[in-house]
Amino acid sequence: MPSDPLTAVLVFSLVILGAALQGAAGFGMGLIAAPPLMLIAPDLIPGPLIGAGIVLTGAVAYRDRASIDYSGLGYALVGRALGTVMAAVFLALASPRSFDLAFGLLVVLGVSLSAGGLRVRLSPRTISFAGFLSGLMGTVSSIGGPPMALLYQHSGAAKLRATLAGYFVLGVGFSLLALFSVGLFGWNELRLALILSPAMLLGFLLAKPLQSRLRETMIRPIVLGLSLVSAAWVIWRAL
């Protein structure tokens, strides 16, 4: 964690804000928190942020468990496993510069998917592919929500939140195992994840009041714009 108090407060504020948005809308924690954290506290990406996210996704999945699309969850997790393996291979071979560049490009991809507004029909094939992309993106950049959110965006807010939360509770385990296998998640990363966990829980508690006031037309452009600016800075730095 950053030793500077102001930077530490900024880190926790970003995690709380991202967790509140994800708890209310179904996804967004990674898009809000990961790009700026990559700049100010890169040791928190990807392992600690992914690990701490279990607190948030577990709480959301339990709260909205009646709305989970269990039939699609299995296909998504199969895809997640394949995407996670590919991400682990990349992380094992990548240099720090390559990692920064891949991180920035995956954030841009996540923003593009979120802003694209495509309507994709739910089927075993599309759910598996979305799970694959989510596993690849989530393991490398901590931003795995956009592919799944794009797929379920027209299924209703409750089903979107619940299914993504259930998917992440199980899928994040794949990502942490992959990171552990390539030496990127150990005791230090676990300690950092535990330090971030209270911020995740606080964000979850703030999600309910935020949900009643959430105006997607106002929030999405801000979230996507800030993410894009942060990603552009990371890419520029890598180049």
Protein backbone atom coordinates (compact mmCIF):
# COMPACT_ATOMS: atom_id res chain seq x y z
CA MET A 1 0.00 0.00 0.00
CA PRO A 2 1.24 3.56 -0.64
CA SER A 3 2.97 5.11 2.36
CA ASP A 4 1.71 8.58 1.51
CA PRO A 5 -1.58 9.14 3.43
CA LEU A 6 -3.22 11.13 0.63
CA THR A 7 -2.43 8.44 -1.93
CA ALA A 8 -3.74 5.75 0.42
CA VAL A 9 -6.99 7.70 0.88
CA LEU A 10 -7.29 7.99 -2.91
CA VAL A 11 -6.76 4.23 -3.29
CA PHE A 12 -9.49 3.39 -0.79
CA SER A 13 -11.82 6.01 -2.29
CA LEU A 14 -11.44 4.50 -5.75
CA VAL A 15 -12.15 1.00 -4.44
CA ILE A 16 -15.20 2.16 -2.47
CA LEU A 17 -16.58 4.06 -5.46
CA GLY A 18 -16.00 1.15 -7.83
CA ALA A 19 -17.51 -1.36 -5.41
CA ALA A 20 -20.60 0.84 -4.89
CA LEU A 21 -21.12 1.14 -8.63
CA GLN A 22 -20.70 -2.60 -9.19
CA GLY A 23 -23.04 -3.42 -6.32
CA ALA A 24 -25.68 -1.13 -7.83
CA ALA A 25 -25.23 -1.69 -11.56
CA GLY A 26 -23.67 -5.16 -11.81
CA PHE A 27 -20.18 -4.21 -12.96
CA GLY A 28 -17.78 -1.27 -13.01
CA MET A 29 -15.45 -1.82 -10.07
CA GLY A 30 -12.53 -2.78 -12.30
CA LEU A 31 -13.22 -0.05 -14.84
CA ILE A 32 -13.23 2.65 -12.17
CA ALA A 33 -10.48 1.38 -9.88
CA ALA A 34 -7.97 -0.58 -11.98
CA PRO A 35 -6.72 2.07 -14.49
CA PRO A 36 -5.90 4.78 -11.90
CA LEU A 37 -4.53 2.18 -9.45
CA MET A 38 -2.20 0.99 -12.20
CA LEU A 39 -0.73 4.50 -12.19
CA ILE A 40 -0.61 5.28 -8.46
CA ALA A 41 -0.33 1.82 -6.81
CA PRO A 42 0.60 -0.77 -9.47
CA ASP A 43 1.34 -3.47 -6.86
CA LEU A 44 -2.43 -3.72 -6.31
CA ILE A 45 -2.97 -4.87 -9.93
CA PRO A 46 -4.06 -7.50 -10.75
CA GLY A 47 -3.94 -9.93 -7.79
CA PRO A 48 -4.89 -7.84 -4.72
CA LEU A 49 -7.77 -6.06 -6.45
CA ILE A 50 -9.10 -9.35 -7.84
CA GLY A 51 -8.76 -11.07 -4.45
CA ALA A 52 -10.51 -8.28 -2.55
CA GLY A 53 -13.31 -8.35 -5.09
CA ILE A 54 -14.50 -11.72 -3.71
CA VAL A 55 -15.94 -9.84 -0.72
CA LEU A 56 -18.04 -7.64 -3.00
CA THR A 57 -19.17 -10.28 -5.48
CA GLY A 58 -19.97 -12.76 -2.72
CA ALA A 59 -22.16 -10.22 -0.96
CA VAL A 60 -23.97 -9.22 -4.18
CA ALA A 61 -24.46 -12.85 -5.23
CA TYR A 62 -26.00 -13.71 -1.86
CA ARG A 63 -28.21 -10.61 -1.85
CA ASP A 64 -29.54 -11.23 -5.39
CA ARG A 65 -29.23 -15.04 -5.45
CA ALA A 66 -32.85 -15.53 -6.56
CA SER A 67 -32.09 -13.78 -9.89
CA ILE A 68 -28.95 -15.72 -10.90
CA ASP A 69 -29.09 -17.34 -14.35
CA TYR A 70 -27.78 -20.73 -13.25
CA SER A 71 -28.28 -22.26 -16.70
CA GLY A 72 -25.77 -19.87 -18.27
CA LEU A 73 -23.33 -19.86 -15.37
CA GLY A 74 -21.76 -23.20 -16.27
CA TYR A 75 -21.04 -22.20 -19.86
CA ALA A 76 -19.54 -18.89 -18.70
CA LEU A 77 -17.24 -20.63 -16.23
CA VAL A 78 -15.97 -23.08 -18.88
CA GLY A 79 -15.06 -20.09 -21.04
CA ARG A 80 -13.55 -18.33 -18.04
CA ALA A 81 -11.26 -21.27 -17.34
CA LEU A 82 -9.92 -21.26 -20.92
CA GLY A 83 -9.40 -17.50 -20.93
CA THR A 84 -7.64 -17.66 -17.58
CA VAL A 85 -5.18 -20.29 -18.84
CA MET A 86 -4.31 -18.09 -21.82
CA ALA A 87 -3.84 -15.10 -19.50
CA ALA A 88 -1.55 -17.11 -17.22
CA VAL A 89 0.67 -18.08 -20.16
CA PHE A 90 0.90 -14.44 -21.21
CA LEU A 91 1.72 -13.23 -17.68
CA ALA A 92 4.42 -15.88 -17.30
CA LEU A 93 6.17 -14.67 -20.45
CA ALA A 94 5.43 -10.94 -20.47
CA SER A 95 7.92 -8.22 -19.60
CA PRO A 96 6.74 -5.29 -17.42
CA ARG A 97 6.47 -3.13 -20.55
CA SER A 98 4.40 -5.77 -22.34
CA PHE A 99 2.16 -6.10 -19.29
CA ASP A 100 1.54 -2.34 -19.17
CA LEU A 101 0.77 -2.27 -22.88
CA ALA A 102 -1.58 -5.27 -22.66
CA PHE A 103 -3.28 -3.77 -19.61
CA GLY A 104 -3.93 -0.48 -21.42
CA LEU A 105 -5.22 -2.19 -24.56
CA LEU A 106 -7.54 -4.46 -22.56
CA VAL A 107 -8.96 -1.44 -20.75
CA VAL A 108 -9.64 0.17 -24.13
CA LEU A 109 -11.32 -3.07 -25.22
CA GLY A 110 -13.41 -3.09 -22.05
CA VAL A 111 -14.50 0.50 -22.59
CA SER A 112 -15.34 -0.22 -26.23
CA LEU A 113 -17.44 -3.24 -25.31
CA SER A 114 -19.25 -1.29 -22.61
CA ALA A 115 -19.96 1.66 -24.89
CA GLY A 116 -20.74 -0.36 -28.01
CA GLY A 117 -24.32 -1.17 -27.14
CA LEU A 118 -24.32 -4.35 -29.22
CA ARG A 119 -27.18 -6.76 -28.62
CA VAL A 120 -25.98 -10.36 -28.54
CA ARG A 121 -28.39 -13.27 -28.19
CA LEU A 122 -27.88 -15.49 -25.15
CA SER A 123 -26.78 -18.99 -26.16
CA PRO A 124 -24.25 -21.55 -24.90
CA ARG A 125 -21.77 -20.37 -27.56
CA THR A 126 -22.06 -16.64 -26.83
CA ILE A 127 -22.02 -17.17 -23.05
CA SER A 128 -18.90 -19.35 -23.30
CA PHE A 129 -17.14 -16.80 -25.51
CA ALA A 130 -18.05 -13.94 -23.17
CA GLY A 131 -16.70 -16.01 -20.28
CA PHE A 132 -13.48 -16.61 -22.24
CA LEU A 133 -12.95 -12.90 -22.91
CA SER A 134 -13.81 -12.07 -19.32
CA GLY A 135 -11.30 -14.59 -17.99
CA LEU A 136 -8.55 -13.28 -20.24
CA MET A 137 -9.25 -9.61 -19.48
CA GLY A 138 -9.98 -10.10 -15.79
CA THR A 139 -6.83 -12.07 -15.03
CA VAL A 140 -4.51 -9.62 -16.80
CA SER A 141 -6.17 -6.30 -16.00
CA SER A 142 -8.71 -6.95 -13.18
CA ILE A 143 -11.41 -5.77 -15.62
CA GLY A 144 -13.50 -8.81 -16.53
CA GLY A 145 -17.00 -7.39 -16.37
CA PRO A 146 -17.64 -5.79 -19.79
CA PRO A 147 -17.97 -8.96 -21.93
CA MET A 148 -20.48 -10.55 -19.55
CA ALA A 149 -22.28 -7.27 -18.92
CA LEU A 150 -22.64 -6.72 -22.67
CA LEU A 151 -24.22 -10.15 -23.01
CA TYR A 152 -26.70 -9.72 -20.14
CA GLN A 153 -27.38 -5.99 -20.53
CA HIS A 154 -30.94 -6.55 -21.82
CA SER A 155 -31.84 -9.27 -19.30
CA GLY A 156 -32.96 -6.93 -16.53
CA ALA A 157 -30.92 -5.18 -13.84
CA ALA A 158 -31.48 -7.83 -11.15
CA LYS A 159 -30.50 -10.74 -13.41
CA LEU A 160 -27.46 -8.81 -14.69
CA ARG A 161 -26.19 -8.00 -11.19
CA ALA A 162 -26.88 -11.44 -9.76
CA THR A 163 -25.48 -13.52 -12.64
CA LEU A 164 -22.31 -11.47 -12.94
CA ALA A 165 -21.78 -11.64 -9.18
CA GLY A 166 -22.25 -15.42 -9.12
CA TYR A 167 -19.94 -15.77 -12.10
CA PHE A 168 -17.24 -13.65 -10.48
CA VAL A 169 -17.40 -15.44 -7.12
CA LEU A 170 -16.44 -18.70 -8.85
CA GLY A 171 -14.46 -17.30 -11.78
CA VAL A 172 -12.17 -15.15 -9.65
CA GLY A 173 -10.90 -18.34 -8.04
CA PHE A 174 -9.63 -19.45 -11.47
CA SER A 175 -7.81 -16.14 -11.92
CA LEU A 176 -6.17 -16.27 -8.50
CA LEU A 177 -4.99 -19.85 -9.10
CA ALA A 178 -3.53 -18.76 -12.44
CA LEU A 179 -1.76 -15.79 -10.85
CA PHE A 180 -0.45 -18.04 -8.08
CA SER A 181 0.89 -20.50 -10.65
CA VAL A 182 3.03 -17.81 -12.30
CA GLY A 183 4.21 -16.24 -9.03
CA LEU A 184 1.93 -13.19 -9.10
CA PHE A 185 -0.26 -14.01 -6.11
CA GLY A 186 1.34 -14.93 -2.80
CA TRP A 187 1.24 -13.90 0.84
CA ASN A 188 1.98 -10.23 0.11
CA GLU A 189 -0.80 -10.01 -2.49
CA LEU A 190 -3.17 -11.79 -0.09
CA ARG A 191 -2.27 -9.28 2.64
CA LEU A 192 -3.01 -6.38 0.28
CA ALA A 193 -6.31 -7.99 -0.75
CA LEU A 194 -7.33 -8.25 2.91
CA ILE A 195 -6.41 -4.58 3.45
CA LEU A 196 -8.67 -3.58 0.54
CA SER A 197 -11.56 -5.83 1.65
CA PRO A 198 -13.15 -3.34 4.10
CA ALA A 199 -13.33 -0.79 1.28
CA MET A 200 -15.12 -3.37 -0.86
CA LEU A 201 -17.59 -4.06 1.95
CA LEU A 202 -18.23 -0.34 2.49
CA GLY A 203 -18.86 0.09 -1.24
CA PHE A 204 -21.37 -2.77 -1.11
CA LEU A 205 -23.21 -1.09 1.76
CA LEU A 206 -23.38 2.14 -0.23
CA ALA A 207 -24.67 0.34 -3.33
CA LYS A 208 -28.29 0.14 -2.21
CA PRO A 209 -28.86 3.90 -1.82
CA LEU A 210 -26.84 4.50 -4.99
CA GLN A 211 -29.01 2.01 -6.88
CA SER A 212 -32.14 4.07 -6.29
CA ARG A 213 -30.43 7.21 -7.59
CA LEU A 214 -28.42 5.64 -10.39
CA ARG A 215 -28.85 7.33 -13.75
CA GLU A 216 -26.92 5.31 -16.30
CA THR A 217 -27.00 8.13 -18.85
CA MET A 218 -25.02 10.28 -16.41
CA ILE A 219 -22.63 7.77 -14.88
CA ARG A 220 -21.55 5.58 -17.80
CA PRO A 221 -19.94 8.37 -19.88
CA ILE A 222 -17.94 9.54 -16.84
CA VAL A 223 -16.77 6.04 -15.92
CA LEU A 224 -15.86 5.13 -19.49
CA GLY A 225 -14.17 8.49 -20.15
CA LEU A 226 -11.99 8.31 -17.04
CA SER A 227 -11.07 4.71 -17.82
CA LEU A 228 -10.11 5.61 -21.37
CA VAL A 229 -7.91 8.50 -20.24
CA SER A 230 -6.15 6.30 -17.69
CA ALA A 231 -5.64 3.53 -20.25
CA ALA A 232 -4.21 5.99 -22.77
CA TRP A 233 -1.72 7.20 -20.16
CA VAL A 234 -0.63 3.63 -19.32
CA ILE A 235 -0.19 2.83 -23.04
CA TRP A 236 1.79 6.04 -23.62
CA ARG A 237 4.03 5.20 -20.66
CA ALA A 238 4.62 1.67 -21.99
CA LEU A 239 5.54 2.97 -25.43
